[in-house]
Amino acid sequence: MSLADGLPAGLGMADALLIVCTNVIASALTSALGIGGGTLLIAVMAGSVPPLAIVPVHGLAQLGNNLDRAWMTRRHLDRPALRAFGLGAVGGALLIAPLVVALPPRLLQLLIAGFVLYLVWGPRLPGALVSPRGLVLVGALTTAVSMFVGATGPLVAAFVHRLHAERLRTVATFAACMSAQHGLKALTFIGLGFSFTDWLPLLGVILLAGLFGNWLGLRLLHRLPEAAFRAGFKMLVTALALRLLWQAVA
């Protein structure tokens, strides 16, 4: 049996290798600068993965990538923040998602992009928002929206950035929060009847590639000065928000 025999129908070997190599770069990027890898990976997947499989397959790949990263940085994790976000994420998946589907995707993209830009460049948020209660709300809303537009990573990252100034704490907490969100997303798609069976061999290779990428990125992160991390983080999150704005108005 050749490697190609283990690929899902309609996906060629060249496309599969491109996705695997992209995940090395994507995982290294997110580990080093805190954000950006998920957007890069889904952009490449969109060129070859069947449309109905893009969001669930990307979500499961990101679940593995973020779990790896969260484990590697677990000593720096803000556990109360993760508990608050996880509680909100469960509520968002169960209660809010059915309401979000009624909103136009472009409106959601505009709202997310606008709030991301405010979080990165705006004045300090009220204390009630930058708190466990605020993180419950962020977990609920972003998890609900992620079921439909898959573009909430920059919003969660920008919020975590407001909570923590230290780079390793930012990366660890963001990775753990996104693990919770992508895990709930995967369970939701399984509940809706999506089968990951045909994708498991490729996903296994993708996750191994992500493990290597996370290792590379974290080695770079440990060498980055705090000021360089903050500047790179802000620039990357801003670029992703502007990309969302472009998608919403194009």
Protein backbone atom coordinates (compact mmCIF):
# COMPACT_ATOMS: atom_id res chain seq x y z
CA MET A 1 0.00 0.00 0.00
CA SER A 2 1.44 3.38 -1.03
CA LEU A 3 1.18 6.63 0.91
CA ALA A 4 -1.31 7.90 -1.64
CA ASP A 5 -3.68 5.04 -0.76
CA GLY A 6 -4.15 6.52 2.71
CA LEU A 7 -5.26 9.92 1.43
CA PRO A 8 -8.90 11.06 1.33
CA ALA A 9 -10.64 10.88 -2.04
CA GLY A 10 -9.88 13.86 -4.25
CA LEU A 11 -6.69 14.91 -2.43
CA GLY A 12 -3.44 14.35 -4.32
CA MET A 13 -0.03 13.55 -2.87
CA ALA A 14 1.40 16.96 -3.83
CA ASP A 15 -1.44 18.79 -2.05
CA ALA A 16 -1.08 16.56 1.01
CA LEU A 17 2.66 17.25 1.23
CA LEU A 18 2.01 20.98 0.87
CA ILE A 19 -0.44 20.88 3.78
CA VAL A 20 2.00 18.92 5.95
CA CYS A 21 4.91 21.28 5.20
CA THR A 22 2.68 24.30 5.76
CA ASN A 23 1.76 22.99 9.20
CA VAL A 24 5.43 22.93 10.21
CA ILE A 25 5.70 26.62 9.29
CA ALA A 26 2.28 27.47 10.77
CA SER A 27 3.04 25.83 14.12
CA ALA A 28 6.47 27.46 14.32
CA LEU A 29 4.92 30.85 13.52
CA THR A 30 2.28 30.61 16.24
CA SER A 31 4.77 29.28 18.80
CA ALA A 32 7.23 32.09 18.10
CA LEU A 33 4.85 35.04 17.70
CA GLY A 34 1.67 33.81 19.37
CA ILE A 35 -0.68 33.92 16.35
CA GLY A 36 -0.93 33.49 12.59
CA GLY A 37 -0.42 29.78 11.96
CA GLY A 38 -4.09 28.85 11.88
CA THR A 39 -4.86 31.43 9.22
CA LEU A 40 -1.90 30.30 7.10
CA LEU A 41 -2.95 26.65 7.35
CA ILE A 42 -6.60 27.20 6.44
CA ALA A 43 -5.59 29.41 3.50
CA VAL A 44 -3.51 26.55 2.06
CA MET A 45 -6.18 23.95 2.83
CA ALA A 46 -8.80 26.00 1.02
CA GLY A 47 -6.97 25.36 -2.25
CA SER A 48 -7.28 21.56 -2.14
CA VAL A 49 -9.50 20.26 0.68
CA PRO A 50 -13.20 19.77 -0.19
CA PRO A 51 -15.24 22.77 1.06
CA LEU A 52 -17.38 20.78 3.51
CA ALA A 53 -14.26 19.28 5.12
CA ILE A 54 -12.15 22.43 5.49
CA VAL A 55 -13.49 23.71 8.83
CA PRO A 56 -13.69 20.34 10.67
CA VAL A 57 -10.33 19.04 9.37
CA HIS A 58 -8.61 22.37 10.06
CA GLY A 59 -10.19 22.42 13.52
CA LEU A 60 -8.88 18.96 14.41
CA ALA A 61 -5.41 19.83 13.10
CA GLN A 62 -5.43 23.01 15.18
CA LEU A 63 -6.60 21.07 18.21
CA GLY A 64 -3.48 18.91 17.98
CA ASN A 65 -1.18 21.85 17.29
CA ASN A 66 -2.49 23.83 20.25
CA LEU A 67 -2.49 20.87 22.63
CA ASP A 68 1.18 20.25 21.81
CA ARG A 69 2.01 23.91 22.38
CA ALA A 70 -0.01 24.13 25.59
CA TRP A 71 1.77 21.05 27.00
CA MET A 72 5.21 22.38 26.07
CA THR A 73 4.48 25.71 27.81
CA ARG A 74 2.30 24.37 30.66
CA ARG A 75 4.49 25.92 33.39
CA HIS A 76 3.49 29.37 32.15
CA LEU A 77 -0.25 28.70 31.79
CA ASP A 78 -2.77 31.02 33.45
CA ARG A 79 -5.07 28.27 34.77
CA PRO A 80 -7.84 30.53 36.16
CA ALA A 81 -8.07 32.22 32.75
CA LEU A 82 -8.31 28.83 31.02
CA ARG A 83 -11.08 27.69 33.39
CA ALA A 84 -13.07 30.86 32.74
CA PHE A 85 -12.60 30.65 28.97
CA GLY A 86 -13.46 26.93 28.94
CA LEU A 87 -16.66 27.51 30.89
CA GLY A 88 -17.72 30.18 28.43
CA ALA A 89 -16.72 28.03 25.46
CA VAL A 90 -19.01 25.19 26.56
CA GLY A 91 -21.89 27.63 26.97
CA GLY A 92 -21.17 29.18 23.58
CA ALA A 93 -21.13 25.82 21.82
CA LEU A 94 -24.38 24.68 23.43
CA LEU A 95 -26.46 27.83 23.74
CA ILE A 96 -25.22 30.69 21.57
CA ALA A 97 -24.15 28.93 18.37
CA PRO A 98 -27.76 28.34 17.19
CA LEU A 99 -28.36 32.10 17.44
CA VAL A 100 -25.15 33.15 15.70
CA VAL A 101 -26.05 31.18 12.56
CA ALA A 102 -28.81 33.70 11.89
CA LEU A 103 -26.30 36.57 11.56
CA PRO A 104 -24.66 37.39 8.20
CA PRO A 105 -21.06 36.06 8.13
CA ARG A 106 -19.78 39.39 6.81
CA LEU A 107 -21.27 41.23 9.78
CA LEU A 108 -19.55 38.79 12.14
CA GLN A 109 -16.23 39.33 10.34
CA LEU A 110 -16.59 43.11 10.61
CA LEU A 111 -17.40 42.93 14.31
CA ILE A 112 -14.50 40.59 15.05
CA ALA A 113 -12.00 42.66 13.05
CA GLY A 114 -13.14 45.91 14.66
CA PHE A 115 -12.87 44.54 18.17
CA VAL A 116 -9.45 42.99 17.48
CA LEU A 117 -8.11 46.35 16.30
CA TYR A 118 -9.55 48.03 19.40
CA LEU A 119 -7.96 45.45 21.70
CA VAL A 120 -4.54 45.85 20.06
CA TRP A 121 -4.46 49.62 19.58
CA GLY A 122 -7.28 51.09 21.68
CA PRO A 123 -7.29 52.39 25.26
CA ARG A 124 -7.31 50.10 28.28
CA LEU A 125 -10.45 48.00 28.66
CA PRO A 126 -12.70 48.39 31.73
CA GLY A 127 -11.63 46.15 34.58
CA ALA A 128 -14.85 44.11 34.37
CA LEU A 129 -13.94 42.94 30.87
CA VAL A 130 -10.32 42.07 31.62
CA SER A 131 -11.37 39.62 34.32
CA PRO A 132 -12.55 36.00 34.67
CA ARG A 133 -16.11 37.13 33.89
CA GLY A 134 -14.93 38.90 30.77
CA LEU A 135 -13.05 35.79 29.67
CA VAL A 136 -16.19 33.67 30.15
CA LEU A 137 -17.96 36.03 27.74
CA VAL A 138 -15.08 35.90 25.24
CA GLY A 139 -15.05 32.09 25.41
CA ALA A 140 -18.78 31.89 24.78
CA LEU A 141 -18.96 34.35 21.90
CA THR A 142 -15.81 33.29 20.05
CA THR A 143 -16.62 29.58 20.29
CA ALA A 144 -20.13 30.16 18.94
CA VAL A 145 -18.86 32.30 16.07
CA SER A 146 -16.00 29.90 15.24
CA MET A 147 -18.53 27.24 14.22
CA PHE A 148 -19.47 29.38 11.22
CA VAL A 149 -16.72 31.82 10.27
CA GLY A 150 -13.62 30.15 11.75
CA ALA A 151 -11.91 33.50 12.28
CA THR A 152 -11.90 34.03 16.03
CA GLY A 153 -8.25 33.22 16.82
CA PRO A 154 -7.08 36.83 16.47
CA LEU A 155 -9.85 37.97 18.85
CA VAL A 156 -8.90 35.45 21.54
CA ALA A 157 -5.21 36.27 21.04
CA ALA A 158 -5.82 40.00 21.34
CA PHE A 159 -7.80 39.50 24.55
CA VAL A 160 -5.13 37.24 26.09
CA HIS A 161 -2.56 39.87 25.07
CA ARG A 162 -4.45 42.37 27.24
CA LEU A 163 -4.34 39.97 30.17
CA HIS A 164 -0.61 39.21 30.04
CA ALA A 165 2.47 41.16 29.06
CA GLU A 166 4.93 38.23 29.32
CA ARG A 167 5.40 36.36 26.04
CA LEU A 168 5.50 32.76 27.34
CA ARG A 169 2.38 33.31 29.45
CA THR A 170 0.61 34.77 26.41
CA VAL A 171 1.53 31.83 24.15
CA ALA A 172 0.70 29.20 26.79
CA THR A 173 -2.68 30.66 27.74
CA PHE A 174 -3.72 31.30 24.14
CA ALA A 175 -2.77 27.74 23.14
CA ALA A 176 -4.77 26.24 26.01
CA CYS A 177 -7.83 28.40 25.28
CA MET A 178 -7.75 27.50 21.59
CA SER A 179 -7.37 23.80 22.49
CA ALA A 180 -10.64 24.03 24.40
CA GLN A 181 -12.34 25.84 21.53
CA HIS A 182 -11.13 23.50 18.78
CA GLY A 183 -11.97 20.46 20.92
CA LEU A 184 -15.56 21.61 21.28
CA LYS A 185 -15.69 22.37 17.57
CA ALA A 186 -14.50 18.85 16.70
CA LEU A 187 -17.11 17.30 19.00
CA THR A 188 -19.79 19.47 17.42
CA PHE A 189 -18.92 18.36 13.89
CA ILE A 190 -18.84 14.71 14.98
CA GLY A 191 -22.28 15.22 16.49
CA LEU A 192 -23.46 16.69 13.19
CA GLY A 193 -22.33 13.54 11.39
CA PHE A 194 -18.94 14.49 9.93
CA SER A 195 -16.63 11.46 9.71
CA PHE A 196 -12.91 12.00 10.27
CA THR A 197 -12.10 8.36 9.42
CA ASP A 198 -10.78 9.00 5.89
CA TRP A 199 -8.68 11.91 7.17
CA LEU A 200 -7.02 10.18 10.14
CA PRO A 201 -3.83 8.98 8.34
CA LEU A 202 -3.17 12.45 6.91
CA LEU A 203 -4.10 14.14 10.19
CA GLY A 204 -1.59 11.92 12.00
CA VAL A 205 1.21 13.17 9.73
CA ILE A 206 -0.05 16.76 10.01
CA LEU A 207 0.10 16.55 13.81
CA LEU A 208 3.64 15.13 13.78
CA ALA A 209 4.65 18.03 11.53
CA GLY A 210 2.99 20.43 13.96
CA LEU A 211 4.90 18.92 16.87
CA PHE A 212 8.18 19.62 15.09
CA GLY A 213 7.04 23.14 14.15
CA ASN A 214 6.07 23.91 17.76
CA TRP A 215 9.50 22.76 18.94
CA LEU A 216 11.22 25.04 16.43
CA GLY A 217 8.98 28.01 17.21
CA LEU A 218 9.37 27.74 20.97
CA ARG A 219 13.16 27.63 20.64
CA LEU A 220 12.90 30.92 18.75
CA LEU A 221 10.45 32.34 21.30
CA HIS A 222 12.91 31.75 24.15
CA ARG A 223 15.49 33.81 22.24
CA LEU A 224 13.15 36.69 21.37
CA PRO A 225 13.31 39.82 23.55
CA GLU A 226 9.96 40.80 25.06
CA ALA A 227 9.86 44.02 23.02
CA ALA A 228 10.40 42.14 19.76
CA PHE A 229 7.66 39.64 20.64
CA ARG A 230 5.15 42.38 21.51
CA ALA A 231 5.90 44.28 18.29
CA GLY A 232 5.69 41.17 16.12
CA PHE A 233 2.51 40.04 17.87
CA LYS A 234 0.79 43.40 17.36
CA MET A 235 1.77 43.61 13.70
CA LEU A 236 0.62 40.06 12.95
CA VAL A 237 -2.72 40.37 14.76
CA THR A 238 -3.34 43.70 13.04
CA ALA A 239 -2.61 42.16 9.63
CA LEU A 240 -5.07 39.33 10.34
CA ALA A 241 -7.74 41.81 11.43
CA LEU A 242 -7.25 43.85 8.25
CA ARG A 243 -7.52 40.62 6.23
CA LEU A 244 -10.86 39.95 7.92
CA LEU A 245 -12.05 43.45 7.04
CA TRP A 246 -11.05 42.90 3.42
CA GLN A 247 -12.92 39.59 3.28
CA ALA A 248 -16.01 41.24 4.77
CA VAL A 249 -16.18 44.10 2.28
CA ALA A 250 -14.82 42.40 -0.86
